[in-house]
Amino acid sequence: MPAGFQEAKRKQESFLAPLEKPCLIWLARHAPSWINSDHLTALGLIALLGAGLGYWWARSNPAGLYVVIVCLALNWLGDSLDGTLARVRNRLRPRYGFYVDHVVDAFGALFLLGGLALSGYMSERIALGLLIAYLMLSIEVYLATYALGTFNISFWKISPTELRILLIIGNIIVLINPDVGIGTGWRLFDIGGIAGIAGMSLMLLIAATRHTRALYNAERLE
């Protein structure tokens, strides 16, 4: 590791973290030796591409939603286990891992929300708004990681794991009742998308305000 580089502290306080962490450690310890972190990162990205294609297929065939559910589960495995595997095996590459993991996240979000926009289950405008809100929040997280040295994986007890589960539940509900919604013209995924945009926008404003204040106080000019 280059001199002067200090890895950011990871902060994970989601609802499922107490169950998820020991599960990931167990999986990492029992993973075949030929599997490495790069394989898992690639699996996570390919899985989100598959989920996006599954949503696109669901426009003409509801079976695409089953594909999405499987791909979201595979994405959890790849995206959550890659870092844990590196830590368990003491094969850490903190700069490479952080950079690649989050570039992959950006492409993955594009694939997933692009698929939702083409699925007919979510308005294209809401899908675009959700992607913008996600990328804006991601930018804030990465800037705060660099400036403050703490990488926040969860907000308000919600992490990507909880979001995947909510999306899977939404898929199951739509499979049971494709017309589910509230009021005329309101689809379930549109409601969820609007809630996601509002929630991430509020998280962004609160985090940006808190971190700006912390940095101002840390570097106050006398």
C-alpha atoms as a PDB file:
ATOM      1  CA  MET A   1       0.000   0.000   0.000  1.00  0.00           C
ATOM      2  CA  PRO A   2       1.436   3.421  -0.908  1.00  0.00           C
ATOM      3  CA  ALA A   3       2.828   5.479   1.971  1.00  0.00           C
ATOM      4  CA  GLY A   4       0.345   7.986   3.319  1.00  0.00           C
ATOM      5  CA  PHE A   5      -2.740   6.111   2.170  1.00  0.00           C
ATOM      6  CA  GLN A   6      -5.247   5.364   4.928  1.00  0.00           C
ATOM      7  CA  GLU A   7      -8.272   3.163   4.312  1.00  0.00           C
ATOM      8  CA  ALA A   8     -11.627   4.692   5.291  1.00  0.00           C
ATOM      9  CA  LYS A   9     -13.534   3.288   8.236  1.00  0.00           C
ATOM     10  CA  ARG A  10     -16.583   1.281   7.125  1.00  0.00           C
ATOM     11  CA  LYS A  11     -19.857   2.110   8.886  1.00  0.00           C
ATOM     12  CA  GLN A  12     -22.653  -0.458   8.473  1.00  0.00           C
ATOM     13  CA  GLU A  13     -25.664  -0.110  10.800  1.00  0.00           C
ATOM     14  CA  SER A  14     -28.542  -1.556   8.782  1.00  0.00           C
ATOM     15  CA  PHE A  15     -31.393  -3.651  10.175  1.00  0.00           C
ATOM     16  CA  LEU A  16     -29.969  -6.885   8.759  1.00  0.00           C
ATOM     17  CA  ALA A  17     -26.278  -6.188   9.425  1.00  0.00           C
ATOM     18  CA  PRO A  18     -26.134  -8.326  12.632  1.00  0.00           C
ATOM     19  CA  LEU A  19     -27.373 -11.335  10.613  1.00  0.00           C
ATOM     20  CA  GLU A  20     -25.696 -10.526   7.318  1.00  0.00           C
ATOM     21  CA  LYS A  21     -22.130 -10.076   8.590  1.00  0.00           C
ATOM     22  CA  PRO A  22     -21.694 -13.545  10.193  1.00  0.00           C
ATOM     23  CA  CYS A  23     -23.412 -15.128   7.190  1.00  0.00           C
ATOM     24  CA  LEU A  24     -20.950 -13.472   4.798  1.00  0.00           C
ATOM     25  CA  ILE A  25     -17.974 -14.472   6.938  1.00  0.00           C
ATOM     26  CA  TRP A  26     -19.182 -18.098   6.944  1.00  0.00           C
ATOM     27  CA  LEU A  27     -19.604 -18.046   3.165  1.00  0.00           C
ATOM     28  CA  ALA A  28     -16.151 -16.508   2.704  1.00  0.00           C
ATOM     29  CA  ARG A  29     -14.501 -19.143   4.877  1.00  0.00           C
ATOM     30  CA  HIS A  30     -16.198 -21.954   2.952  1.00  0.00           C
ATOM     31  CA  ALA A  31     -15.791 -20.490  -0.545  1.00  0.00           C
ATOM     32  CA  PRO A  32     -13.751 -22.627  -3.003  1.00  0.00           C
ATOM     33  CA  SER A  33     -10.134 -21.496  -3.252  1.00  0.00           C
ATOM     34  CA  TRP A  34     -10.445 -20.830  -7.000  1.00  0.00           C
ATOM     35  CA  ILE A  35     -13.057 -18.104  -6.399  1.00  0.00           C
ATOM     36  CA  ASN A  36     -11.616 -14.657  -5.709  1.00  0.00           C
ATOM     37  CA  SER A  37     -13.015 -11.191  -5.085  1.00  0.00           C
ATOM     38  CA  ASP A  38     -12.823 -10.172  -8.751  1.00  0.00           C
ATOM     39  CA  HIS A  39     -15.022 -13.133  -9.699  1.00  0.00           C
ATOM     40  CA  LEU A  40     -17.622 -12.034  -7.152  1.00  0.00           C
ATOM     41  CA  THR A  41     -17.516  -8.397  -8.273  1.00  0.00           C
ATOM     42  CA  ALA A  42     -18.056  -9.529 -11.871  1.00  0.00           C
ATOM     43  CA  LEU A  43     -20.923 -11.745 -10.725  1.00  0.00           C
ATOM     44  CA  GLY A  44     -22.583  -8.759  -9.038  1.00  0.00           C
ATOM     45  CA  LEU A  45     -22.363  -6.650 -12.196  1.00  0.00           C
ATOM     46  CA  ILE A  46     -23.527  -9.416 -14.541  1.00  0.00           C
ATOM     47  CA  ALA A  47     -26.413 -10.157 -12.176  1.00  0.00           C
ATOM     48  CA  LEU A  48     -27.650  -6.550 -12.350  1.00  0.00           C
ATOM     49  CA  LEU A  49     -27.358  -6.620 -16.140  1.00  0.00           C
ATOM     50  CA  GLY A  50     -29.457  -9.803 -16.014  1.00  0.00           C
ATOM     51  CA  ALA A  51     -31.970  -8.110 -13.713  1.00  0.00           C
ATOM     52  CA  GLY A  52     -32.302  -5.201 -16.143  1.00  0.00           C
ATOM     53  CA  LEU A  53     -32.824  -7.585 -19.054  1.00  0.00           C
ATOM     54  CA  GLY A  54     -35.310  -9.521 -16.927  1.00  0.00           C
ATOM     55  CA  TYR A  55     -37.379  -6.377 -16.370  1.00  0.00           C
ATOM     56  CA  TRP A  56     -37.238  -5.633 -20.087  1.00  0.00           C
ATOM     57  CA  TRP A  57     -38.459  -9.149 -20.846  1.00  0.00           C
ATOM     58  CA  ALA A  58     -41.212  -8.782 -18.215  1.00  0.00           C
ATOM     59  CA  ARG A  59     -42.837  -6.173 -20.448  1.00  0.00           C
ATOM     60  CA  SER A  60     -44.000  -9.033 -22.669  1.00  0.00           C
ATOM     61  CA  ASN A  61     -43.679 -12.014 -20.329  1.00  0.00           C
ATOM     62  CA  PRO A  62     -44.143 -11.940 -16.508  1.00  0.00           C
ATOM     63  CA  ALA A  63     -41.564 -14.748 -16.264  1.00  0.00           C
ATOM     64  CA  GLY A  64     -38.971 -11.982 -16.568  1.00  0.00           C
ATOM     65  CA  LEU A  65     -39.780 -11.041 -12.970  1.00  0.00           C
ATOM     66  CA  TYR A  66     -38.567 -14.461 -11.819  1.00  0.00           C
ATOM     67  CA  VAL A  67     -35.309 -13.790 -13.638  1.00  0.00           C
ATOM     68  CA  VAL A  68     -35.028 -10.483 -11.765  1.00  0.00           C
ATOM     69  CA  ILE A  69     -35.528 -12.178  -8.382  1.00  0.00           C
ATOM     70  CA  VAL A  70     -32.786 -14.727  -9.082  1.00  0.00           C
ATOM     71  CA  CYS A  71     -30.441 -12.026 -10.377  1.00  0.00           C
ATOM     72  CA  LEU A  72     -31.000  -9.814  -7.323  1.00  0.00           C
ATOM     73  CA  ALA A  73     -30.061 -12.748  -5.080  1.00  0.00           C
ATOM     74  CA  LEU A  74     -26.903 -13.345  -7.148  1.00  0.00           C
ATOM     75  CA  ASN A  75     -26.102  -9.638  -7.009  1.00  0.00           C
ATOM     76  CA  TRP A  76     -26.308  -9.722  -3.220  1.00  0.00           C
ATOM     77  CA  LEU A  77     -23.902 -12.658  -3.177  1.00  0.00           C
ATOM     78  CA  GLY A  78     -21.375 -11.042  -5.497  1.00  0.00           C
ATOM     79  CA  ASP A  79     -21.613  -7.463  -4.271  1.00  0.00           C
ATOM     80  CA  SER A  80     -21.663  -8.272  -0.549  1.00  0.00           C
ATOM     81  CA  LEU A  81     -19.189 -11.149  -0.460  1.00  0.00           C
ATOM     82  CA  ASP A  82     -16.316  -9.756  -2.563  1.00  0.00           C
ATOM     83  CA  GLY A  83     -14.956  -7.469   0.156  1.00  0.00           C
ATOM     84  CA  THR A  84     -15.583  -9.982   2.934  1.00  0.00           C
ATOM     85  CA  LEU A  85     -13.676 -12.651   1.015  1.00  0.00           C
ATOM     86  CA  ALA A  86     -10.700 -10.315   0.610  1.00  0.00           C
ATOM     87  CA  ARG A  87     -10.702  -9.493   4.335  1.00  0.00           C
ATOM     88  CA  VAL A  88     -11.048 -13.131   5.443  1.00  0.00           C
ATOM     89  CA  ARG A  89      -8.176 -14.217   3.169  1.00  0.00           C
ATOM     90  CA  ASN A  90      -6.126 -11.102   3.950  1.00  0.00           C
ATOM     91  CA  ARG A  91      -5.957 -10.263   0.253  1.00  0.00           C
ATOM     92  CA  LEU A  92      -6.883  -6.609   0.642  1.00  0.00           C
ATOM     93  CA  ARG A  93      -6.485  -4.032  -2.131  1.00  0.00           C
ATOM     94  CA  PRO A  94      -8.332  -1.084  -0.555  1.00  0.00           C
ATOM     95  CA  ARG A  95      -7.888   1.494  -3.317  1.00  0.00           C
ATOM     96  CA  TYR A  96      -8.529  -0.942  -6.164  1.00  0.00           C
ATOM     97  CA  GLY A  97     -11.440  -2.560  -4.339  1.00  0.00           C
ATOM     98  CA  PHE A  98     -13.138   0.716  -3.432  1.00  0.00           C
ATOM     99  CA  TYR A  99     -12.769   2.143  -6.928  1.00  0.00           C
ATOM    100  CA  VAL A 100     -13.840  -0.943  -8.884  1.00  0.00           C
ATOM    101  CA  ASP A 101     -16.694  -1.794  -6.523  1.00  0.00           C
ATOM    102  CA  HIS A 102     -18.307   1.598  -6.879  1.00  0.00           C
ATOM    103  CA  VAL A 103     -17.763   2.005 -10.594  1.00  0.00           C
ATOM    104  CA  VAL A 104     -19.518  -1.358 -10.882  1.00  0.00           C
ATOM    105  CA  ASP A 105     -22.322  -0.043  -8.631  1.00  0.00           C
ATOM    106  CA  ALA A 106     -22.852   2.922 -10.973  1.00  0.00           C
ATOM    107  CA  PHE A 107     -23.118   0.701 -14.046  1.00  0.00           C
ATOM    108  CA  GLY A 108     -25.305  -1.747 -12.119  1.00  0.00           C
ATOM    109  CA  ALA A 109     -27.753   0.983 -11.141  1.00  0.00           C
ATOM    110  CA  LEU A 110     -27.940   2.077 -14.793  1.00  0.00           C
ATOM    111  CA  PHE A 111     -28.667  -1.495 -15.918  1.00  0.00           C
ATOM    112  CA  LEU A 112     -31.297  -2.133 -13.241  1.00  0.00           C
ATOM    113  CA  LEU A 113     -33.181   1.147 -13.523  1.00  0.00           C
ATOM    114  CA  GLY A 114     -32.850   1.144 -17.300  1.00  0.00           C
ATOM    115  CA  GLY A 115     -34.569  -2.236 -17.294  1.00  0.00           C
ATOM    116  CA  LEU A 116     -37.294  -0.956 -14.991  1.00  0.00           C
ATOM    117  CA  ALA A 117     -37.864   2.013 -17.313  1.00  0.00           C
ATOM    118  CA  LEU A 118     -38.382  -0.443 -20.201  1.00  0.00           C
ATOM    119  CA  SER A 119     -40.504  -2.889 -18.201  1.00  0.00           C
ATOM    120  CA  GLY A 120     -43.818  -1.057 -18.269  1.00  0.00           C
ATOM    121  CA  TYR A 121     -43.999  -1.427 -14.481  1.00  0.00           C
ATOM    122  CA  MET A 122     -42.383   1.951 -13.777  1.00  0.00           C
ATOM    123  CA  SER A 123     -42.623   5.301 -15.542  1.00  0.00           C
ATOM    124  CA  GLU A 124     -39.498   6.197 -17.515  1.00  0.00           C
ATOM    125  CA  ARG A 125     -39.381   9.592 -15.796  1.00  0.00           C
ATOM    126  CA  ILE A 126     -39.578   8.087 -12.326  1.00  0.00           C
ATOM    127  CA  ALA A 127     -36.860   5.558 -13.198  1.00  0.00           C
ATOM    128  CA  LEU A 128     -34.649   8.399 -14.441  1.00  0.00           C
ATOM    129  CA  GLY A 129     -35.350  10.436 -11.317  1.00  0.00           C
ATOM    130  CA  LEU A 130     -34.480   7.437  -9.153  1.00  0.00           C
ATOM    131  CA  LEU A 131     -31.201   6.948 -11.018  1.00  0.00           C
ATOM    132  CA  ILE A 132     -30.286  10.621 -10.616  1.00  0.00           C
ATOM    133  CA  ALA A 133     -31.124  10.568  -6.901  1.00  0.00           C
ATOM    134  CA  TYR A 134     -29.045   7.402  -6.432  1.00  0.00           C
ATOM    135  CA  LEU A 135     -26.038   8.828  -8.262  1.00  0.00           C
ATOM    136  CA  MET A 136     -26.260  12.150  -6.373  1.00  0.00           C
ATOM    137  CA  LEU A 137     -26.344  10.336  -3.036  1.00  0.00           C
ATOM    138  CA  SER A 138     -23.454   8.124  -4.156  1.00  0.00           C
ATOM    139  CA  ILE A 139     -21.366  11.186  -5.025  1.00  0.00           C
ATOM    140  CA  GLU A 140     -21.972  12.604  -1.553  1.00  0.00           C
ATOM    141  CA  VAL A 141     -20.992   9.307   0.079  1.00  0.00           C
ATOM    142  CA  TYR A 142     -17.749   9.051  -1.903  1.00  0.00           C
ATOM    143  CA  LEU A 143     -16.790  12.685  -1.226  1.00  0.00           C
ATOM    144  CA  ALA A 144     -17.493  12.219   2.485  1.00  0.00           C
ATOM    145  CA  THR A 145     -15.426   9.029   2.478  1.00  0.00           C
ATOM    146  CA  TYR A 146     -12.445  10.936   1.094  1.00  0.00           C
ATOM    147  CA  ALA A 147     -12.860  14.077   3.223  1.00  0.00           C
ATOM    148  CA  LEU A 148     -13.917  12.513   6.543  1.00  0.00           C
ATOM    149  CA  GLY A 149     -12.445   9.014   6.355  1.00  0.00           C
ATOM    150  CA  THR A 150     -15.715   7.193   7.039  1.00  0.00           C
ATOM    151  CA  PHE A 151     -17.551   5.150   4.429  1.00  0.00           C
ATOM    152  CA  ASN A 152     -21.268   4.975   5.201  1.00  0.00           C
ATOM    153  CA  ILE A 153     -22.790   1.807   3.746  1.00  0.00           C
ATOM    154  CA  SER A 154     -26.240   2.362   5.246  1.00  0.00           C
ATOM    155  CA  PHE A 155     -28.592   5.268   5.877  1.00  0.00           C
ATOM    156  CA  TRP A 156     -31.346   5.201   8.486  1.00  0.00           C
ATOM    157  CA  LYS A 157     -30.803   1.452   9.049  1.00  0.00           C
ATOM    158  CA  ILE A 158     -31.270   0.766   5.323  1.00  0.00           C
ATOM    159  CA  SER A 159     -28.511  -0.676   3.136  1.00  0.00           C
ATOM    160  CA  PRO A 160     -28.488  -2.175  -0.378  1.00  0.00           C
ATOM    161  CA  THR A 161     -29.458  -5.531   1.156  1.00  0.00           C
ATOM    162  CA  GLU A 162     -32.739  -4.178   2.506  1.00  0.00           C
ATOM    163  CA  LEU A 163     -33.419  -2.442  -0.824  1.00  0.00           C
ATOM    164  CA  ARG A 164     -32.917  -5.707  -2.730  1.00  0.00           C
ATOM    165  CA  ILE A 165     -35.379  -7.451  -0.411  1.00  0.00           C
ATOM    166  CA  LEU A 166     -37.975  -4.705  -0.910  1.00  0.00           C
ATOM    167  CA  LEU A 167     -37.542  -4.980  -4.679  1.00  0.00           C
ATOM    168  CA  ILE A 168     -37.947  -8.756  -4.546  1.00  0.00           C
ATOM    169  CA  ILE A 169     -41.115  -8.355  -2.480  1.00  0.00           C
ATOM    170  CA  GLY A 170     -42.417  -5.861  -5.055  1.00  0.00           C
ATOM    171  CA  ASN A 171     -41.755  -8.368  -7.840  1.00  0.00           C
ATOM    172  CA  ILE A 172     -43.646 -11.085  -5.982  1.00  0.00           C
ATOM    173  CA  ILE A 173     -46.611  -8.773  -5.375  1.00  0.00           C
ATOM    174  CA  VAL A 174     -46.738  -7.803  -9.065  1.00  0.00           C
ATOM    175  CA  LEU A 175     -46.528 -11.473 -10.084  1.00  0.00           C
ATOM    176  CA  ILE A 176     -49.573 -12.187  -7.913  1.00  0.00           C
ATOM    177  CA  ASN A 177     -51.490  -9.088  -8.981  1.00  0.00           C
ATOM    178  CA  PRO A 178     -50.057  -7.208 -12.005  1.00  0.00           C
ATOM    179  CA  ASP A 179     -52.561  -4.356 -11.560  1.00  0.00           C
ATOM    180  CA  VAL A 180     -51.753  -3.648  -7.916  1.00  0.00           C
ATOM    181  CA  GLY A 181     -51.496   0.031  -7.048  1.00  0.00           C
ATOM    182  CA  ILE A 182     -53.172   2.907  -5.258  1.00  0.00           C
ATOM    183  CA  GLY A 183     -55.700   4.895  -7.206  1.00  0.00           C
ATOM    184  CA  THR A 184     -56.189   5.112 -10.942  1.00  0.00           C
ATOM    185  CA  GLY A 185     -52.959   5.047 -12.939  1.00  0.00           C
ATOM    186  CA  TRP A 186     -50.638   4.587  -9.953  1.00  0.00           C
ATOM    187  CA  ARG A 187     -48.494   1.478 -10.335  1.00  0.00           C
ATOM    188  CA  LEU A 188     -46.756  -0.185  -7.399  1.00  0.00           C
ATOM    189  CA  PHE A 189     -43.254   0.463  -8.751  1.00  0.00           C
ATOM    190  CA  ASP A 190     -44.113   4.101  -9.475  1.00  0.00           C
ATOM    191  CA  ILE A 191     -45.150   4.541  -5.841  1.00  0.00           C
ATOM    192  CA  GLY A 192     -41.986   2.842  -4.672  1.00  0.00           C
ATOM    193  CA  GLY A 193     -39.878   4.913  -7.061  1.00  0.00           C
ATOM    194  CA  ILE A 194     -41.340   8.204  -5.847  1.00  0.00           C
ATOM    195  CA  ALA A 195     -40.762   7.119  -2.238  1.00  0.00           C
ATOM    196  CA  GLY A 196     -37.178   6.198  -3.146  1.00  0.00           C
ATOM    197  CA  ILE A 197     -36.540   9.566  -4.810  1.00  0.00           C
ATOM    198  CA  ALA A 198     -37.963  11.429  -1.806  1.00  0.00           C
ATOM    199  CA  GLY A 199     -36.048   9.311   0.698  1.00  0.00           C
ATOM    200  CA  MET A 200     -32.678   9.558  -1.065  1.00  0.00           C
ATOM    201  CA  SER A 201     -33.120  13.291  -1.661  1.00  0.00           C
ATOM    202  CA  LEU A 202     -33.764  13.829   2.043  1.00  0.00           C
ATOM    203  CA  MET A 203     -30.773  11.630   2.963  1.00  0.00           C
ATOM    204  CA  LEU A 204     -28.625  13.665   0.576  1.00  0.00           C
ATOM    205  CA  LEU A 205     -29.672  17.013   2.049  1.00  0.00           C
ATOM    206  CA  ILE A 206     -29.198  15.880   5.648  1.00  0.00           C
ATOM    207  CA  ALA A 207     -25.839  14.205   4.977  1.00  0.00           C
ATOM    208  CA  ALA A 208     -24.515  17.147   2.944  1.00  0.00           C
ATOM    209  CA  THR A 209     -25.533  19.596   5.679  1.00  0.00           C
ATOM    210  CA  ARG A 210     -24.037  17.495   8.480  1.00  0.00           C
ATOM    211  CA  HIS A 211     -20.785  16.807   6.662  1.00  0.00           C
ATOM    212  CA  THR A 212     -20.351  20.431   5.541  1.00  0.00           C
ATOM    213  CA  ARG A 213     -20.765  21.552   9.144  1.00  0.00           C
ATOM    214  CA  ALA A 214     -18.298  18.940  10.393  1.00  0.00           C
ATOM    215  CA  LEU A 215     -15.667  19.921   7.833  1.00  0.00           C
ATOM    216  CA  TYR A 216     -16.206  23.639   8.470  1.00  0.00           C
ATOM    217  CA  ASN A 217     -15.674  23.145  12.198  1.00  0.00           C
ATOM    218  CA  ALA A 218     -12.629  20.942  11.583  1.00  0.00           C
ATOM    219  CA  GLU A 219     -10.988  23.581   9.380  1.00  0.00           C
ATOM    220  CA  ARG A 220     -12.356  26.754  10.925  1.00  0.00           C
ATOM    221  CA  LEU A 221     -10.385  29.875  10.005  1.00  0.00           C
ATOM    222  CA  GLU A 222      -9.452  31.946  13.049  1.00  0.00           C
END
